[in-house]
């Protein structure tokens, strides 16, 4: 895989939502990168983006009244963003084909409907 292929074939609407979320929550990527680098430093060759995001969620929820919210589709995109910016670690996160977001509602959209 080449660096310019990392975000190839990702739904454009999902990418826009991810970029908006990331711009508003820049601390999420900073923590994601820090914890990924820490795990890489232990000698691990592969790891789970889900585990890293859940660590961020846990730490946030311990310190804040408001729960940490993230669209689950963004977790895979943070893994891809990490590899894009740290290409020497290609293979640390497994990339799977992402389903088109327009075929199903995101967790965020379902949550909004339920809240009404």
PDB file of N, CA and C in Angstrom:
ATOM      1  N   UNK A   1       0.846  -1.180   0.000  1.00  0.00           N
ATOM      2  CA  UNK A   1       0.000   0.000   0.000  1.00  0.00           C
ATOM      3  C   UNK A   1       0.887   1.236   0.000  1.00  0.00           C
ATOM      4  N   UNK A   2       0.458   2.212  -0.775  1.00  0.00           N
ATOM      5  CA  UNK A   2       1.153   3.496  -0.823  1.00  0.00           C
ATOM      6  C   UNK A   2       0.415   4.492   0.058  1.00  0.00           C
ATOM      7  N   UNK A   3       1.147   5.491   0.522  1.00  0.00           N
ATOM      8  CA  UNK A   3       0.550   6.488   1.410  1.00  0.00           C
ATOM      9  C   UNK A   3      -0.716   7.115   0.818  1.00  0.00           C
ATOM     10  N   UNK A   4      -0.696   7.438  -0.465  1.00  0.00           N
ATOM     11  CA  UNK A   4      -1.851   8.103  -1.073  1.00  0.00           C
ATOM     12  C   UNK A   4      -3.044   7.167  -1.271  1.00  0.00           C
ATOM     13  N   UNK A   5      -2.902   5.892  -0.943  1.00  0.00           N
ATOM     14  CA  UNK A   5      -4.010   4.934  -1.056  1.00  0.00           C
ATOM     15  C   UNK A   5      -4.726   4.705   0.272  1.00  0.00           C
ATOM     16  N   UNK A   6      -4.214   5.261   1.353  1.00  0.00           N
ATOM     17  CA  UNK A   6      -4.756   4.980   2.685  1.00  0.00           C
ATOM     18  C   UNK A   6      -6.225   5.391   2.815  1.00  0.00           C
ATOM     19  N   UNK A   7      -6.595   6.534   2.252  1.00  0.00           N
ATOM     20  CA  UNK A   7      -7.978   7.003   2.356  1.00  0.00           C
ATOM     21  C   UNK A   7      -8.767   6.770   1.065  1.00  0.00           C
ATOM     22  N   UNK A   8      -8.194   5.998   0.156  1.00  0.00           N
ATOM     23  CA  UNK A   8      -8.860   5.699  -1.100  1.00  0.00           C
ATOM     24  C   UNK A   8     -10.084   4.815  -0.833  1.00  0.00           C
ATOM     25  N   UNK A   9     -11.138   5.031  -1.583  1.00  0.00           N
ATOM     26  CA  UNK A   9     -12.371   4.238  -1.490  1.00  0.00           C
ATOM     27  C   UNK A   9     -13.108   4.403  -0.161  1.00  0.00           C
ATOM     28  N   UNK A  10     -12.870   5.501   0.529  1.00  0.00           N
ATOM     29  CA  UNK A  10     -13.630   5.817   1.741  1.00  0.00           C
ATOM     30  C   UNK A  10     -14.741   6.779   1.327  1.00  0.00           C
ATOM     31  N   UNK A  11     -15.927   6.546   1.833  1.00  0.00           N
ATOM     32  CA  UNK A  11     -17.069   7.393   1.508  1.00  0.00           C
ATOM     33  C   UNK A  11     -16.736   8.865   1.782  1.00  0.00           C
ATOM     34  N   UNK A  12     -16.954   9.719   0.791  1.00  0.00           N
ATOM     35  CA  UNK A  12     -16.600  11.148   0.900  1.00  0.00           C
ATOM     36  C   UNK A  12     -17.370  11.838   2.023  1.00  0.00           C
ATOM     37  N   UNK A  13     -18.627  11.469   2.208  1.00  0.00           N
ATOM     38  CA  UNK A  13     -19.435  12.063   3.277  1.00  0.00           C
ATOM     39  C   UNK A  13     -18.861  11.691   4.647  1.00  0.00           C
ATOM     40  N   UNK A  14     -18.455  10.441   4.793  1.00  0.00           N
ATOM     41  CA  UNK A  14     -17.847  10.001   6.047  1.00  0.00           C
ATOM     42  C   UNK A  14     -16.530  10.728   6.290  1.00  0.00           C
ATOM     43  N   UNK A  15     -15.721  10.885   5.252  1.00  0.00           N
ATOM     44  CA  UNK A  15     -14.447  11.605   5.404  1.00  0.00           C
ATOM     45  C   UNK A  15     -14.664  13.048   5.828  1.00  0.00           C
ATOM     46  N   UNK A  16     -15.670  13.692   5.260  1.00  0.00           N
ATOM     47  CA  UNK A  16     -15.958  15.083   5.640  1.00  0.00           C
ATOM     48  C   UNK A  16     -16.358  15.152   7.113  1.00  0.00           C
ATOM     49  N   UNK A  17     -17.239  14.245   7.543  1.00  0.00           N
ATOM     50  CA  UNK A  17     -17.658  14.221   8.949  1.00  0.00           C
ATOM     51  C   UNK A  17     -16.462  13.973   9.867  1.00  0.00           C
ATOM     52  N   UNK A  18     -15.577  13.068   9.435  1.00  0.00           N
ATOM     53  CA  UNK A  18     -14.381  12.776  10.226  1.00  0.00           C
ATOM     54  C   UNK A  18     -13.480  14.003  10.337  1.00  0.00           C
ATOM     55  N   UNK A  19     -13.245  14.678   9.222  1.00  0.00           N
ATOM     56  CA  UNK A  19     -12.398  15.870   9.237  1.00  0.00           C
ATOM     57  C   UNK A  19     -12.996  16.950  10.131  1.00  0.00           C
ATOM     58  N   UNK A  20     -14.312  17.122  10.082  1.00  0.00           N
ATOM     59  CA  UNK A  20     -14.976  18.102  10.951  1.00  0.00           C
ATOM     60  C   UNK A  20     -14.810  17.725  12.425  1.00  0.00           C
ATOM     61  N   UNK A  21     -15.040  16.448  12.738  1.00  0.00           N
ATOM     62  CA  UNK A  21     -14.891  15.977  14.115  1.00  0.00           C
ATOM     63  C   UNK A  21     -13.454  16.175  14.590  1.00  0.00           C
ATOM     64  N   UNK A  22     -12.497  15.779  13.757  1.00  0.00           N
ATOM     65  CA  UNK A  22     -11.091  15.887  14.130  1.00  0.00           C
ATOM     66  C   UNK A  22     -10.687  17.340  14.351  1.00  0.00           C
ATOM     67  N   UNK A  23     -11.190  18.245  13.522  1.00  0.00           N
ATOM     68  CA  UNK A  23     -10.868  19.667  13.676  1.00  0.00           C
ATOM     69  C   UNK A  23     -11.408  20.217  15.003  1.00  0.00           C
ATOM     70  N   UNK A  24     -12.558  19.710  15.430  1.00  0.00           N
ATOM     71  CA  UNK A  24     -13.173  20.177  16.683  1.00  0.00           C
ATOM     72  C   UNK A  24     -12.632  19.448  17.909  1.00  0.00           C
ATOM     73  N   UNK A  25     -11.967  18.320  17.701  1.00  0.00           N
ATOM     74  CA  UNK A  25     -11.493  17.475  18.811  1.00  0.00           C
ATOM     75  C   UNK A  25     -10.042  17.065  18.573  1.00  0.00           C
ATOM     76  N   UNK A  26      -9.171  18.043  18.392  1.00  0.00           N
ATOM     77  CA  UNK A  26      -7.781  17.759  18.031  1.00  0.00           C
ATOM     78  C   UNK A  26      -7.042  16.958  19.094  1.00  0.00           C
ATOM     79  N   UNK A  27      -7.508  17.042  20.323  1.00  0.00           N
ATOM     80  CA  UNK A  27      -6.869  16.272  21.392  1.00  0.00           C
ATOM     81  C   UNK A  27      -7.024  14.770  21.176  1.00  0.00           C
ATOM     82  N   UNK A  28      -8.074  14.351  20.468  1.00  0.00           N
ATOM     83  CA  UNK A  28      -8.278  12.914  20.246  1.00  0.00           C
ATOM     84  C   UNK A  28      -7.119  12.344  19.434  1.00  0.00           C
ATOM     85  N   UNK A  29      -6.754  12.991  18.341  1.00  0.00           N
ATOM     86  CA  UNK A  29      -5.638  12.466  17.549  1.00  0.00           C
ATOM     87  C   UNK A  29      -4.330  12.532  18.330  1.00  0.00           C
ATOM     88  N   UNK A  30      -4.112  13.615  19.057  1.00  0.00           N
ATOM     89  CA  UNK A  30      -2.865  13.722  19.829  1.00  0.00           C
ATOM     90  C   UNK A  30      -2.725  12.535  20.796  1.00  0.00           C
ATOM     91  N   UNK A  31      -3.822  12.210  21.486  1.00  0.00           N
ATOM     92  CA  UNK A  31      -3.790  11.070  22.408  1.00  0.00           C
ATOM     93  C   UNK A  31      -3.649   9.751  21.649  1.00  0.00           C
ATOM     94  N   UNK A  32      -4.369   9.633  20.538  1.00  0.00           N
ATOM     95  CA  UNK A  32      -4.293   8.420  19.726  1.00  0.00           C
ATOM     96  C   UNK A  32      -2.854   8.176  19.271  1.00  0.00           C
ATOM     97  N   UNK A  33      -2.202   9.222  18.818  1.00  0.00           N
ATOM     98  CA  UNK A  33      -0.818   9.087  18.368  1.00  0.00           C
ATOM     99  C   UNK A  33       0.109   8.747  19.539  1.00  0.00           C
ATOM    100  N   UNK A  34      -0.078   9.413  20.670  1.00  0.00           N
ATOM    101  CA  UNK A  34       0.777   9.155  21.837  1.00  0.00           C
ATOM    102  C   UNK A  34       0.673   7.692  22.277  1.00  0.00           C
ATOM    103  N   UNK A  35      -0.556   7.183  22.390  1.00  0.00           N
ATOM    104  CA  UNK A  35      -0.735   5.804  22.856  1.00  0.00           C
ATOM    105  C   UNK A  35      -0.269   4.799  21.804  1.00  0.00           C
ATOM    106  N   UNK A  36      -0.443   5.124  20.536  1.00  0.00           N
ATOM    107  CA  UNK A  36       0.051   4.236  19.476  1.00  0.00           C
ATOM    108  C   UNK A  36       1.575   4.145  19.541  1.00  0.00           C
ATOM    109  N   UNK A  37       2.233   5.287  19.695  1.00  0.00           N
ATOM    110  CA  UNK A  37       3.697   5.303  19.771  1.00  0.00           C
ATOM    111  C   UNK A  37       4.194   4.548  21.006  1.00  0.00           C
ATOM    112  N   UNK A  38       3.469   4.685  22.123  1.00  0.00           N
ATOM    113  CA  UNK A  38       3.853   3.953  23.332  1.00  0.00           C
ATOM    114  C   UNK A  38       3.779   2.448  23.103  1.00  0.00           C
ATOM    115  N   UNK A  39       2.723   2.006  22.422  1.00  0.00           N
ATOM    116  CA  UNK A  39       2.578   0.578  22.167  1.00  0.00           C
ATOM    117  C   UNK A  39       3.647   0.097  21.192  1.00  0.00           C
ATOM    118  N   UNK A  40       3.938   0.887  20.187  1.00  0.00           N
ATOM    119  CA  UNK A  40       5.001   0.535  19.233  1.00  0.00           C
ATOM    120  C   UNK A  40       6.334   0.405  19.970  1.00  0.00           C
ATOM    121  N   UNK A  41       6.580   1.287  20.933  1.00  0.00           N
ATOM    122  CA  UNK A  41       7.834   1.264  21.701  1.00  0.00           C
ATOM    123  C   UNK A  41       7.992  -0.015  22.522  1.00  0.00           C
ATOM    124  N   UNK A  42       6.890  -0.708  22.809  1.00  0.00           N
ATOM    125  CA  UNK A  42       6.984  -1.974  23.552  1.00  0.00           C
ATOM    126  C   UNK A  42       7.439  -3.123  22.662  1.00  0.00           C
ATOM    127  N   UNK A  43       7.480  -2.870  21.348  1.00  0.00           N
ATOM    128  CA  UNK A  43       7.891  -3.917  20.421  1.00  0.00           C
ATOM    129  C   UNK A  43       6.741  -4.589  19.690  1.00  0.00           C
ATOM    130  N   UNK A  44       5.527  -4.195  19.998  1.00  0.00           N
ATOM    131  CA  UNK A  44       4.375  -4.777  19.293  1.00  0.00           C
ATOM    132  C   UNK A  44       4.430  -4.407  17.822  1.00  0.00           C
ATOM    133  N   UNK A  45       4.082  -5.360  16.973  1.00  0.00           N
ATOM    134  CA  UNK A  45       4.063  -5.124  15.535  1.00  0.00           C
ATOM    135  C   UNK A  45       2.664  -4.796  15.033  1.00  0.00           C
ATOM    136  N   UNK A  46       1.638  -5.185  15.792  1.00  0.00           N
ATOM    137  CA  UNK A  46       0.235  -4.922  15.433  1.00  0.00           C
ATOM    138  C   UNK A  46      -0.529  -4.576  16.700  1.00  0.00           C
ATOM    139  N   UNK A  47      -1.578  -3.748  16.518  1.00  0.00           N
ATOM    140  CA  UNK A  47      -2.414  -3.414  17.669  1.00  0.00           C
ATOM    141  C   UNK A  47      -3.778  -2.975  17.177  1.00  0.00           C
ATOM    142  N   UNK A  48      -4.658  -2.701  18.114  1.00  0.00           N
ATOM    143  CA  UNK A  48      -6.038  -2.373  17.814  1.00  0.00           C
ATOM    144  C   UNK A  48      -6.325  -0.889  18.020  1.00  0.00           C
ATOM    145  N   UNK A  49      -6.810  -0.236  16.967  1.00  0.00           N
ATOM    146  CA  UNK A  49      -7.245   1.162  17.092  1.00  0.00           C
ATOM    147  C   UNK A  49      -8.400   1.265  18.081  1.00  0.00           C
ATOM    148  N   UNK A  50      -9.251   0.244  18.115  1.00  0.00           N
ATOM    149  CA  UNK A  50     -10.387   0.245  19.055  1.00  0.00           C
ATOM    150  C   UNK A  50      -9.901   0.295  20.499  1.00  0.00           C
ATOM    151  N   UNK A  51      -8.877  -0.466  20.811  1.00  0.00           N
ATOM    152  CA  UNK A  51      -8.355  -0.468  22.182  1.00  0.00           C
ATOM    153  C   UNK A  51      -7.820   0.909  22.545  1.00  0.00           C
ATOM    154  N   UNK A  52      -7.123   1.536  21.634  1.00  0.00           N
ATOM    155  CA  UNK A  52      -6.562   2.861  21.898  1.00  0.00           C
ATOM    156  C   UNK A  52      -7.673   3.883  22.101  1.00  0.00           C
ATOM    157  N   UNK A  53      -8.695   3.869  21.259  1.00  0.00           N
ATOM    158  CA  UNK A  53      -9.803   4.818  21.426  1.00  0.00           C
ATOM    159  C   UNK A  53     -10.548   4.534  22.726  1.00  0.00           C
ATOM    160  N   UNK A  54     -10.692   3.278  23.098  1.00  0.00           N
ATOM    161  CA  UNK A  54     -11.366   2.978  24.362  1.00  0.00           C
ATOM    162  C   UNK A  54     -10.550   3.415  25.569  1.00  0.00           C
ATOM    163  N   UNK A  55      -9.232   3.425  25.467  1.00  0.00           N
ATOM    164  CA  UNK A  55      -8.395   3.987  26.522  1.00  0.00           C
ATOM    165  C   UNK A  55      -8.634   5.496  26.625  1.00  0.00           C
ATOM    166  N   UNK A  56      -8.688   6.169  25.483  1.00  0.00           N
ATOM    167  CA  UNK A  56      -8.986   7.606  25.465  1.00  0.00           C
ATOM    168  C   UNK A  56     -10.358   7.854  26.076  1.00  0.00           C
ATOM    169  N   UNK A  57     -11.335   7.046  25.704  1.00  0.00           N
ATOM    170  CA  UNK A  57     -12.700   7.176  26.241  1.00  0.00           C
ATOM    171  C   UNK A  57     -12.700   7.010  27.757  1.00  0.00           C
ATOM    172  N   UNK A  58     -12.016   5.980  28.247  1.00  0.00           N
ATOM    173  CA  UNK A  58     -11.983   5.707  29.681  1.00  0.00           C
ATOM    174  C   UNK A  58     -11.357   6.871  30.438  1.00  0.00           C
ATOM    175  N   UNK A  59     -10.206   7.349  29.957  1.00  0.00           N
ATOM    176  CA  UNK A  59      -9.542   8.458  30.638  1.00  0.00           C
ATOM    177  C   UNK A  59     -10.397   9.720  30.623  1.00  0.00           C
ATOM    178  N   UNK A  60     -11.056   9.988  29.508  1.00  0.00           N
ATOM    179  CA  UNK A  60     -11.940  11.150  29.410  1.00  0.00           C
ATOM    180  C   UNK A  60     -13.099  11.032  30.399  1.00  0.00           C
ATOM    181  N   UNK A  61     -13.726   9.865  30.429  1.00  0.00           N
ATOM    182  CA  UNK A  61     -14.904   9.680  31.274  1.00  0.00           C
ATOM    183  C   UNK A  61     -14.577   9.722  32.758  1.00  0.00           C
ATOM    184  N   UNK A  62     -13.361   9.356  33.136  1.00  0.00           N
ATOM    185  CA  UNK A  62     -12.934   9.444  34.534  1.00  0.00           C
ATOM    186  C   UNK A  62     -12.830  10.909  34.965  1.00  0.00           C
ATOM    187  N   UNK A  63     -12.405  11.770  34.033  1.00  0.00           N
ATOM    188  CA  UNK A  63     -12.127  13.170  34.359  1.00  0.00           C
ATOM    189  C   UNK A  63     -13.277  14.124  34.064  1.00  0.00           C
ATOM    190  N   UNK A  64     -14.287  13.693  33.305  1.00  0.00           N
ATOM    191  CA  UNK A  64     -15.334  14.599  32.844  1.00  0.00           C
ATOM    192  C   UNK A  64     -16.724  14.041  33.114  1.00  0.00           C
ATOM    193  N   UNK A  65     -17.678  14.939  33.323  1.00  0.00           N
ATOM    194  CA  UNK A  65     -19.060  14.511  33.517  1.00  0.00           C
ATOM    195  C   UNK A  65     -19.693  14.078  32.199  1.00  0.00           C
ATOM    196  N   UNK A  66     -19.369  14.806  31.139  1.00  0.00           N
ATOM    197  CA  UNK A  66     -19.924  14.471  29.824  1.00  0.00           C
ATOM    198  C   UNK A  66     -19.170  13.268  29.246  1.00  0.00           C
ATOM    199  N   UNK A  67     -19.907  12.284  28.736  1.00  0.00           N
ATOM    200  CA  UNK A  67     -19.222  11.116  28.166  1.00  0.00           C
ATOM    201  C   UNK A  67     -18.499  11.458  26.867  1.00  0.00           C
ATOM    202  N   UNK A  68     -17.461  10.717  26.599  1.00  0.00           N
ATOM    203  CA  UNK A  68     -16.694  10.857  25.362  1.00  0.00           C
ATOM    204  C   UNK A  68     -17.533  10.290  24.227  1.00  0.00           C
ATOM    205  N   UNK A  69     -17.726  11.073  23.175  1.00  0.00           N
ATOM    206  CA  UNK A  69     -18.528  10.613  22.046  1.00  0.00           C
ATOM    207  C   UNK A  69     -17.685  10.617  20.782  1.00  0.00           C
ATOM    208  N   UNK A  70     -17.792   9.510  20.064  1.00  0.00           N
ATOM    209  CA  UNK A  70     -17.100   9.383  18.791  1.00  0.00           C
ATOM    210  C   UNK A  70     -17.892   8.410  17.929  1.00  0.00           C
ATOM    211  N   UNK A  71     -18.046   8.726  16.678  1.00  0.00           N
ATOM    212  CA  UNK A  71     -18.670   7.824  15.727  1.00  0.00           C
ATOM    213  C   UNK A  71     -17.741   6.624  15.578  1.00  0.00           C
ATOM    214  N   UNK A  72     -18.258   5.421  15.725  1.00  0.00           N
ATOM    215  CA  UNK A  72     -17.409   4.229  15.646  1.00  0.00           C
ATOM    216  C   UNK A  72     -16.660   4.130  14.319  1.00  0.00           C
ATOM    217  N   UNK A  73     -17.229   4.661  13.243  1.00  0.00           N
ATOM    218  CA  UNK A  73     -16.543   4.646  11.950  1.00  0.00           C
ATOM    219  C   UNK A  73     -15.261   5.473  11.994  1.00  0.00           C
ATOM    220  N   UNK A  74     -15.190   6.451  12.880  1.00  0.00           N
ATOM    221  CA  UNK A  74     -14.009   7.309  12.965  1.00  0.00           C
ATOM    222  C   UNK A  74     -12.807   6.573  13.557  1.00  0.00           C
ATOM    223  N   UNK A  75     -13.063   5.515  14.325  1.00  0.00           N
ATOM    224  CA  UNK A  75     -11.963   4.793  14.962  1.00  0.00           C
ATOM    225  C   UNK A  75     -11.010   4.240  13.901  1.00  0.00           C
ATOM    226  N   UNK A  76     -11.559   3.611  12.882  1.00  0.00           N
ATOM    227  CA  UNK A  76     -10.727   3.089  11.796  1.00  0.00           C
ATOM    228  C   UNK A  76     -10.019   4.220  11.063  1.00  0.00           C
ATOM    229  N   UNK A  77     -10.684   5.359  10.956  1.00  0.00           N
ATOM    230  CA  UNK A  77     -10.071   6.489  10.256  1.00  0.00           C
ATOM    231  C   UNK A  77      -8.931   7.096  11.062  1.00  0.00           C
ATOM    232  N   UNK A  78      -9.016   7.052  12.392  1.00  0.00           N
ATOM    233  CA  UNK A  78      -7.871   7.498  13.196  1.00  0.00           C
ATOM    234  C   UNK A  78      -6.680   6.562  13.007  1.00  0.00           C
ATOM    235  N   UNK A  79      -6.936   5.275  12.885  1.00  0.00           N
ATOM    236  CA  UNK A  79      -5.852   4.340  12.592  1.00  0.00           C
ATOM    237  C   UNK A  79      -5.206   4.650  11.250  1.00  0.00           C
ATOM    238  N   UNK A  80      -6.034   4.950  10.249  1.00  0.00           N
ATOM    239  CA  UNK A  80      -5.517   5.298   8.922  1.00  0.00           C
ATOM    240  C   UNK A  80      -4.746   6.618   8.962  1.00  0.00           C
ATOM    241  N   UNK A  81      -5.265   7.596   9.712  1.00  0.00           N
ATOM    242  CA  UNK A  81      -4.585   8.886   9.819  1.00  0.00           C
ATOM    243  C   UNK A  81      -3.219   8.719  10.489  1.00  0.00           C
ATOM    244  N   UNK A  82      -3.171   7.887  11.520  1.00  0.00           N
ATOM    245  CA  UNK A  82      -1.896   7.640  12.186  1.00  0.00           C
ATOM    246  C   UNK A  82      -0.871   7.075  11.199  1.00  0.00           C
ATOM    247  N   UNK A  83      -1.283   6.092  10.418  1.00  0.00           N
ATOM    248  CA  UNK A  83      -0.360   5.480   9.454  1.00  0.00           C
ATOM    249  C   UNK A  83       0.004   6.473   8.359  1.00  0.00           C
ATOM    250  N   UNK A  84      -0.942   7.288   7.936  1.00  0.00           N
ATOM    251  CA  UNK A  84      -0.650   8.310   6.924  1.00  0.00           C
ATOM    252  C   UNK A  84       0.451   9.241   7.412  1.00  0.00           C
ATOM    253  N   UNK A  85       0.374   9.633   8.685  1.00  0.00           N
ATOM    254  CA  UNK A  85       1.365  10.560   9.241  1.00  0.00           C
ATOM    255  C   UNK A  85       2.628   9.867   9.733  1.00  0.00           C
ATOM    256  N   UNK A  86       2.550   8.574   9.937  1.00  0.00           N
ATOM    257  CA  UNK A  86       3.683   7.790  10.448  1.00  0.00           C
ATOM    258  C   UNK A  86       3.835   6.539   9.579  1.00  0.00           C
ATOM    259  N   UNK A  87       4.075   6.756   8.314  1.00  0.00           N
ATOM    260  CA  UNK A  87       4.023   5.682   7.319  1.00  0.00           C
ATOM    261  C   UNK A  87       5.017   4.552   7.589  1.00  0.00           C
ATOM    262  N   UNK A  88       6.041   4.842   8.351  1.00  0.00           N
ATOM    263  CA  UNK A  88       7.016   3.802   8.682  1.00  0.00           C
ATOM    264  C   UNK A  88       6.400   2.684   9.523  1.00  0.00           C
ATOM    265  N   UNK A  89       5.196   2.923  10.060  1.00  0.00           N
ATOM    266  CA  UNK A  89       4.510   1.923  10.884  1.00  0.00           C
ATOM    267  C   UNK A  89       3.358   1.245  10.133  1.00  0.00           C
ATOM    268  N   UNK A  90       3.416   1.295   8.813  1.00  0.00           N
ATOM    269  CA  UNK A  90       2.412   0.609   7.998  1.00  0.00           C
ATOM    270  C   UNK A  90       2.324  -0.854   8.432  1.00  0.00           C
ATOM    271  N   UNK A  91       1.125  -1.320   8.703  1.00  0.00           N
ATOM    272  CA  UNK A  91       0.915  -2.689   9.166  1.00  0.00           C
ATOM    273  C   UNK A  91       0.597  -2.769  10.648  1.00  0.00           C
ATOM    274  N   UNK A  92       0.869  -1.682  11.393  1.00  0.00           N
ATOM    275  CA  UNK A  92       0.575  -1.696  12.826  1.00  0.00           C
ATOM    276  C   UNK A  92      -0.921  -1.829  13.074  1.00  0.00           C
ATOM    277  N   UNK A  93      -1.725  -1.134  12.280  1.00  0.00           N
ATOM    278  CA  UNK A  93      -3.182  -1.277  12.325  1.00  0.00           C
ATOM    279  C   UNK A  93      -3.628  -1.995  11.061  1.00  0.00           C
ATOM    280  N   UNK A  94      -4.571  -2.894  11.218  1.00  0.00           N
ATOM    281  CA  UNK A  94      -5.108  -3.610  10.068  1.00  0.00           C
ATOM    282  C   UNK A  94      -6.178  -2.744   9.405  1.00  0.00           C
ATOM    283  N   UNK A  95      -6.080  -2.597   8.107  1.00  0.00           N
ATOM    284  CA  UNK A  95      -7.075  -1.838   7.352  1.00  0.00           C
ATOM    285  C   UNK A  95      -8.033  -2.811   6.685  1.00  0.00           C
ATOM    286  N   UNK A  96      -9.292  -2.602   6.925  1.00  0.00           N
ATOM    287  CA  UNK A  96     -10.327  -3.399   6.279  1.00  0.00           C
ATOM    288  C   UNK A  96     -11.136  -2.500   5.369  1.00  0.00           C
ATOM    289  N   UNK A  97     -11.836  -3.102   4.445  1.00  0.00           N
ATOM    290  CA  UNK A  97     -12.719  -2.336   3.579  1.00  0.00           C
ATOM    291  C   UNK A  97     -13.844  -1.772   4.433  1.00  0.00           C
ATOM    292  N   UNK A  98     -14.068  -0.476   4.313  1.00  0.00           N
ATOM    293  CA  UNK A  98     -15.134   0.166   5.083  1.00  0.00           C
ATOM    294  C   UNK A  98     -16.398   0.191   4.248  1.00  0.00           C
ATOM    295  N   UNK A  99     -17.517  -0.141   4.885  1.00  0.00           N
ATOM    296  CA  UNK A  99     -18.798  -0.119   4.200  1.00  0.00           C
ATOM    297  C   UNK A  99     -19.172   1.325   3.900  1.00  0.00           C
ATOM    298  N   UNK A 100     -19.847   1.515   2.802  1.00  0.00           N
ATOM    299  CA  UNK A 100     -20.290   2.869   2.441  1.00  0.00           C
ATOM    300  C   UNK A 100     -21.242   3.385   3.500  1.00  0.00           C
ATOM    301  N   UNK A 101     -20.984   4.570   3.981  1.00  0.00           N
ATOM    302  CA  UNK A 101     -21.785   5.156   5.042  1.00  0.00           C
ATOM    303  C   UNK A 101     -23.211   5.459   4.592  1.00  0.00           C
ATOM    304  N   UNK A 102     -23.409   5.640   3.288  1.00  0.00           N
ATOM    305  CA  UNK A 102     -24.749   5.988   2.827  1.00  0.00           C
ATOM    306  C   UNK A 102     -25.688   4.785   2.842  1.00  0.00           C
ATOM    307  N   UNK A 103     -25.193   3.575   3.080  1.00  0.00           N
ATOM    308  CA  UNK A 103     -26.048   2.396   3.129  1.00  0.00           C
ATOM    309  C   UNK A 103     -26.587   2.136   4.522  1.00  0.00           C
ATOM    310  N   UNK A 104     -26.091   2.829   5.500  1.00  0.00           N
ATOM    311  CA  UNK A 104     -26.560   2.618   6.864  1.00  0.00           C
ATOM    312  C   UNK A 104     -26.413   3.906   7.650  1.00  0.00           C
ATOM    313  N   UNK A 105     -27.197   4.012   8.666  1.00  0.00           N
ATOM    314  CA  UNK A 105     -27.108   5.186   9.515  1.00  0.00           C
ATOM    315  C   UNK A 105     -25.891   5.067  10.417  1.00  0.00           C
ATOM    316  N   UNK A 106     -25.271   6.188  10.647  1.00  0.00           N
ATOM    317  CA  UNK A 106     -24.164   6.173  11.606  1.00  0.00           C
ATOM    318  C   UNK A 106     -24.749   6.138  13.014  1.00  0.00           C
ATOM    319  N   UNK A 107     -23.944   5.757  13.969  1.00  0.00           N
ATOM    320  CA  UNK A 107     -24.385   5.773  15.364  1.00  0.00           C
ATOM    321  C   UNK A 107     -24.833   7.173  15.761  1.00  0.00           C
ATOM    322  N   UNK A 108     -24.124   8.166  15.258  1.00  0.00           N
ATOM    323  CA  UNK A 108     -24.453   9.560  15.574  1.00  0.00           C
ATOM    324  C   UNK A 108     -25.861   9.921  15.079  1.00  0.00           C
ATOM    325  N   UNK A 109     -26.201   9.511  13.867  1.00  0.00           N
ATOM    326  CA  UNK A 109     -27.524   9.810  13.312  1.00  0.00           C
ATOM    327  C   UNK A 109     -28.616   9.082  14.090  1.00  0.00           C
ATOM    328  N   UNK A 110     -28.374   7.811  14.456  1.00  0.00           N
ATOM    329  CA  UNK A 110     -29.359   7.063  15.248  1.00  0.00           C
ATOM    330  C   UNK A 110     -29.547   7.723  16.604  1.00  0.00           C
ATOM    331  N   UNK A 111     -28.464   8.182  17.212  1.00  0.00           N
ATOM    332  CA  UNK A 111     -28.543   8.817  18.521  1.00  0.00           C
ATOM    333  C   UNK A 111     -29.394  10.084  18.446  1.00  0.00           C
ATOM    334  N   UNK A 112     -29.191  10.886  17.395  1.00  0.00           N
ATOM    335  CA  UNK A 112     -29.983  12.101  17.235  1.00  0.00           C
ATOM    336  C   UNK A 112     -31.468  11.793  17.108  1.00  0.00           C
ATOM    337  N   UNK A 113     -31.809  10.764  16.341  1.00  0.00           N
ATOM    338  CA  UNK A 113     -33.212  10.383  16.159  1.00  0.00           C
ATOM    339  C   UNK A 113     -33.838   9.936  17.465  1.00  0.00           C
ATOM    340  N   UNK A 114     -33.082   9.142  18.225  1.00  0.00           N
ATOM    341  CA  UNK A 114     -33.587   8.628  19.507  1.00  0.00           C
ATOM    342  C   UNK A 114     -33.746   9.743  20.524  1.00  0.00           C
ATOM    343  N   UNK A 115     -32.937  10.766  20.432  1.00  0.00           N
ATOM    344  CA  UNK A 115     -32.978  11.878  21.399  1.00  0.00           C
ATOM    345  C   UNK A 115     -34.185  12.782  21.176  1.00  0.00           C
ATOM    346  N   UNK A 116     -34.743  12.739  19.981  1.00  0.00           N
ATOM    347  CA  UNK A 116     -35.892  13.614  19.663  1.00  0.00           C
ATOM    348  C   UNK A 116     -37.152  13.180  20.320  1.00  0.00           C
TER     349      UNK A 116
END
